[in-house]
Amino acid sequence: MNLTQLGFGKKAVITKINGQLLSLKLFEMGILPGESIELSNVAPFGDPIAINLSEFKVCLRMQDAQFIEIKLVD
């Protein structure tokens, strides 16, 4: 499952980031495997999205979010 499939208000853990160039950019933003995330906001037309990550909020384009693999948390 990737981040674009995460429902609003649902929590997940990042399992993997695909794409070598993108992964470096995301790592620098603190988006790392093992981090807990929650989908907090979605723009009116569905792009971009905002996720809660640790103690801050990050906005991502859907084309970038599709490379982030996640696992749902209860």
Protein backbone atom coordinates (compact mmCIF):
# COMPACT_ATOMS: atom_id res chain seq x y z
CA MET A 1 0.00 0.00 0.00
CA ASN A 2 1.32 3.48 -0.74
CA LEU A 3 0.67 6.85 0.88
CA THR A 4 -1.84 7.92 -1.78
CA GLN A 5 -4.17 5.15 -0.53
CA LEU A 6 -4.14 6.25 3.13
CA GLY A 7 -7.56 7.39 4.35
CA PHE A 8 -8.17 10.71 6.10
CA GLY A 9 -7.28 10.55 9.80
CA LYS A 10 -5.76 7.07 9.48
CA LYS A 11 -2.37 6.25 10.97
CA ALA A 12 0.42 4.26 9.34
CA VAL A 13 4.12 3.48 9.48
CA ILE A 14 6.45 4.13 6.56
CA THR A 15 7.96 0.83 5.41
CA LYS A 16 9.90 1.81 2.29
CA ILE A 17 10.62 4.73 -0.02
CA ASN A 18 11.08 3.93 -3.71
CA GLY A 19 12.97 6.14 -6.16
CA GLN A 20 16.59 6.97 -5.48
CA LEU A 21 16.52 10.73 -6.15
CA LEU A 22 13.22 11.26 -4.38
CA SER A 23 14.25 9.21 -1.37
CA LEU A 24 17.16 11.57 -0.64
CA LYS A 25 14.84 14.58 -0.73
CA LEU A 26 12.32 12.86 1.55
CA PHE A 27 15.03 11.67 3.96
CA GLU A 28 16.19 15.28 4.33
CA MET A 29 12.60 16.24 5.22
CA GLY A 30 12.50 13.57 7.95
CA ILE A 31 10.35 11.12 6.02
CA LEU A 32 12.13 7.89 6.92
CA PRO A 33 11.19 4.20 7.10
CA GLY A 34 9.85 3.39 10.56
CA GLU A 35 8.30 6.83 11.12
CA SER A 36 4.64 7.04 12.15
CA ILE A 37 2.44 9.26 9.99
CA GLU A 38 -1.17 10.38 9.85
CA LEU A 39 -3.04 11.96 6.94
CA SER A 40 -4.23 15.30 8.27
CA ASN A 41 -5.32 17.43 5.29
CA VAL A 42 -6.19 17.03 1.64
CA ALA A 43 -6.40 19.96 -0.77
CA PRO A 44 -9.83 20.62 -2.34
CA PHE A 45 -8.88 18.92 -5.61
CA GLY A 46 -6.96 16.10 -3.87
CA ASP A 47 -3.42 17.37 -4.42
CA PRO A 48 -1.30 18.12 -2.38
CA ILE A 49 -1.81 16.26 0.89
CA ALA A 50 -0.52 17.06 4.38
CA ILE A 51 0.71 14.44 6.80
CA ASN A 52 1.55 14.67 10.48
CA LEU A 53 5.06 13.35 10.95
CA SER A 54 6.51 13.26 14.47
CA GLU A 55 5.95 16.81 15.71
CA PHE A 56 5.44 18.64 12.43
CA LYS A 57 3.29 18.72 9.31
CA VAL A 58 4.63 18.00 5.81
CA CYS A 59 2.88 18.70 2.50
CA LEU A 60 3.52 16.34 -0.40
CA ARG A 61 2.43 16.16 -4.00
CA MET A 62 0.52 13.01 -4.87
CA GLN A 63 3.12 12.11 -7.50
CA ASP A 64 5.73 12.00 -4.70
CA ALA A 65 3.44 10.28 -2.18
CA GLN A 66 2.97 7.29 -4.51
CA PHE A 67 6.61 6.28 -3.89
CA ILE A 68 6.13 6.00 -0.11
CA GLU A 69 5.07 2.52 0.96
CA ILE A 70 3.18 2.26 4.26
CA LYS A 71 1.59 -0.22 6.63
CA LEU A 72 -1.62 0.68 8.51
CA VAL A 73 -1.53 0.89 12.30
CA ASP A 74 -4.57 0.19 14.47
